């Protein structure tokens, strides 16, 4: 299930407060500035800095 577009409009990175990119096929939100991915589990974004995954340029350059 895709995230609600209204929810996507208000979500921001918990670390730098900037906008996030949504990758539905990966169930993830991505911060290109910090190169971090936030997982979406059971249709709920996990917006915890400690849970974010580092992503390299090859994945989302």
N, C-alpha and C. Protein backbone atom coordinates (compact mmCIF):
# COMPACT_ATOMS: atom_id res chain seq x y z
N UNK A 1 0.85 -1.18 0.00
CA UNK A 1 0.00 0.00 0.00
C UNK A 1 0.90 1.24 0.00
N UNK A 2 0.55 2.21 -0.79
CA UNK A 2 1.32 3.45 -0.88
C UNK A 2 0.99 4.37 0.30
N UNK A 3 1.97 5.18 0.64
CA UNK A 3 1.73 6.15 1.71
C UNK A 3 0.79 7.25 1.23
N UNK A 4 0.03 7.77 2.15
CA UNK A 4 -0.90 8.86 1.86
C UNK A 4 -0.12 10.09 1.38
N UNK A 5 -0.50 10.68 0.25
CA UNK A 5 0.21 11.86 -0.26
C UNK A 5 0.24 13.03 0.74
N UNK A 6 -0.81 13.18 1.53
CA UNK A 6 -0.82 14.25 2.54
C UNK A 6 0.22 13.99 3.62
N UNK A 7 0.40 12.74 3.99
CA UNK A 7 1.42 12.39 4.97
C UNK A 7 2.80 12.67 4.41
N UNK A 8 3.02 12.32 3.16
CA UNK A 8 4.32 12.56 2.53
C UNK A 8 4.67 14.05 2.50
N UNK A 9 3.67 14.89 2.34
CA UNK A 9 3.91 16.34 2.30
C UNK A 9 4.44 16.88 3.63
N UNK A 10 4.04 16.29 4.74
CA UNK A 10 4.44 16.82 6.04
C UNK A 10 5.63 16.09 6.66
N UNK A 11 5.97 14.92 6.15
CA UNK A 11 7.12 14.19 6.70
C UNK A 11 8.42 14.91 6.35
N UNK A 12 9.33 14.93 7.31
CA UNK A 12 10.65 15.52 7.10
C UNK A 12 11.68 14.65 7.81
N UNK A 13 12.91 14.77 7.37
CA UNK A 13 13.99 14.04 8.00
C UNK A 13 14.11 14.48 9.46
N UNK A 14 14.18 13.54 10.39
CA UNK A 14 14.28 13.92 11.79
C UNK A 14 15.63 14.55 12.14
N UNK A 15 16.63 14.35 11.28
CA UNK A 15 17.96 14.89 11.58
C UNK A 15 18.15 16.31 11.02
N UNK A 16 17.90 16.50 9.72
CA UNK A 16 18.13 17.84 9.15
C UNK A 16 16.84 18.60 8.83
N UNK A 17 15.71 17.98 9.11
CA UNK A 17 14.38 18.60 8.93
C UNK A 17 14.03 18.90 7.48
N UNK A 18 14.79 18.35 6.54
CA UNK A 18 14.54 18.57 5.12
C UNK A 18 13.56 17.56 4.54
N UNK A 19 13.13 17.79 3.30
CA UNK A 19 12.18 16.89 2.64
C UNK A 19 12.81 15.54 2.32
N UNK A 20 11.96 14.55 2.16
CA UNK A 20 12.39 13.19 1.86
C UNK A 20 11.81 12.74 0.53
N UNK A 21 12.51 11.83 -0.12
CA UNK A 21 12.02 11.21 -1.35
C UNK A 21 11.40 9.87 -0.99
N UNK A 22 10.30 9.54 -1.64
CA UNK A 22 9.59 8.29 -1.37
C UNK A 22 9.86 7.29 -2.48
N UNK A 23 10.33 6.11 -2.09
CA UNK A 23 10.56 5.01 -3.02
C UNK A 23 9.62 3.87 -2.65
N UNK A 24 8.46 3.84 -3.29
CA UNK A 24 7.44 2.85 -2.97
C UNK A 24 7.92 1.43 -3.21
N UNK A 25 8.72 1.24 -4.27
CA UNK A 25 9.19 -0.11 -4.58
C UNK A 25 10.16 -0.65 -3.53
N UNK A 26 10.75 0.24 -2.74
CA UNK A 26 11.69 -0.17 -1.68
C UNK A 26 11.08 -0.04 -0.29
N UNK A 27 9.85 0.44 -0.21
CA UNK A 27 9.24 0.74 1.09
C UNK A 27 10.18 1.58 1.94
N UNK A 28 10.60 2.72 1.39
CA UNK A 28 11.56 3.55 2.10
C UNK A 28 11.39 5.03 1.75
N UNK A 29 11.81 5.85 2.68
CA UNK A 29 11.95 7.29 2.47
C UNK A 29 13.45 7.57 2.47
N UNK A 30 13.87 8.48 1.60
CA UNK A 30 15.30 8.71 1.41
C UNK A 30 15.64 10.18 1.55
N UNK A 31 16.72 10.46 2.27
CA UNK A 31 17.25 11.82 2.39
C UNK A 31 18.52 11.88 1.56
N UNK A 32 18.48 12.54 0.38
CA UNK A 32 19.66 12.59 -0.48
C UNK A 32 20.78 13.46 0.08
N UNK A 33 20.45 14.40 0.95
CA UNK A 33 21.48 15.28 1.51
C UNK A 33 22.38 14.53 2.49
N UNK A 34 21.80 13.67 3.30
CA UNK A 34 22.56 12.91 4.29
C UNK A 34 22.80 11.47 3.85
N UNK A 35 22.23 11.10 2.71
CA UNK A 35 22.32 9.74 2.16
C UNK A 35 21.87 8.70 3.20
N UNK A 36 20.65 8.92 3.68
CA UNK A 36 20.06 8.00 4.66
C UNK A 36 18.69 7.54 4.19
N UNK A 37 18.40 6.29 4.49
CA UNK A 37 17.12 5.70 4.13
C UNK A 37 16.38 5.34 5.42
N UNK A 38 15.10 5.71 5.43
CA UNK A 38 14.22 5.38 6.54
C UNK A 38 13.22 4.34 6.05
N UNK A 39 13.19 3.21 6.71
CA UNK A 39 12.32 2.11 6.30
C UNK A 39 10.86 2.43 6.58
N UNK A 40 10.00 1.79 5.81
CA UNK A 40 8.56 1.84 6.05
C UNK A 40 8.14 0.41 6.37
N UNK A 41 7.65 0.21 7.58
CA UNK A 41 7.26 -1.13 8.03
C UNK A 41 5.77 -1.14 8.34
N UNK A 42 5.07 -2.08 7.75
CA UNK A 42 3.61 -2.18 7.94
C UNK A 42 2.92 -0.85 7.68
N UNK A 43 3.36 -0.17 6.60
CA UNK A 43 2.80 1.12 6.16
C UNK A 43 3.05 2.26 7.14
N UNK A 44 4.03 2.08 8.04
CA UNK A 44 4.38 3.13 9.00
C UNK A 44 5.84 3.51 8.80
N UNK A 45 6.11 4.78 8.48
CA UNK A 45 7.51 5.22 8.34
C UNK A 45 8.22 5.18 9.69
N UNK A 46 9.39 4.58 9.72
CA UNK A 46 10.20 4.51 10.93
C UNK A 46 11.17 5.69 10.89
N UNK A 47 10.77 6.78 11.54
CA UNK A 47 11.51 8.04 11.45
C UNK A 47 12.44 8.23 12.65
N UNK A 48 13.23 7.22 12.93
CA UNK A 48 14.18 7.28 14.04
C UNK A 48 15.59 7.38 13.47
N UNK A 49 16.36 8.35 13.93
CA UNK A 49 17.71 8.55 13.43
C UNK A 49 18.55 7.28 13.61
N UNK A 50 18.41 6.64 14.76
CA UNK A 50 19.19 5.43 15.04
C UNK A 50 18.82 4.25 14.14
N UNK A 51 17.64 4.28 13.55
CA UNK A 51 17.18 3.19 12.68
C UNK A 51 17.47 3.45 11.21
N UNK A 52 17.92 4.66 10.87
CA UNK A 52 18.20 5.00 9.47
C UNK A 52 19.39 4.19 8.96
N UNK A 53 19.34 3.87 7.66
CA UNK A 53 20.42 3.13 7.01
C UNK A 53 21.22 4.07 6.12
N UNK A 54 22.53 3.94 6.17
CA UNK A 54 23.39 4.71 5.26
C UNK A 54 23.25 4.14 3.86
N UNK A 55 23.19 5.02 2.86
CA UNK A 55 23.03 4.62 1.47
C UNK A 55 24.13 5.29 0.66
N UNK A 56 24.76 4.54 -0.24
CA UNK A 56 25.82 5.16 -1.05
C UNK A 56 25.24 5.71 -2.36
N UNK A 57 26.05 6.49 -3.06
CA UNK A 57 25.62 7.13 -4.30
C UNK A 57 25.18 6.13 -5.36
N UNK A 58 25.74 4.95 -5.35
CA UNK A 58 25.41 3.95 -6.37
C UNK A 58 23.94 3.54 -6.28
N UNK A 59 23.38 3.57 -5.08
CA UNK A 59 21.98 3.18 -4.91
C UNK A 59 21.02 4.27 -5.35
N UNK A 60 21.30 5.50 -4.93
CA UNK A 60 20.37 6.61 -5.22
C UNK A 60 21.12 7.86 -5.62
N UNK A 61 22.06 7.72 -6.54
CA UNK A 61 22.86 8.87 -6.97
C UNK A 61 22.10 9.76 -7.79
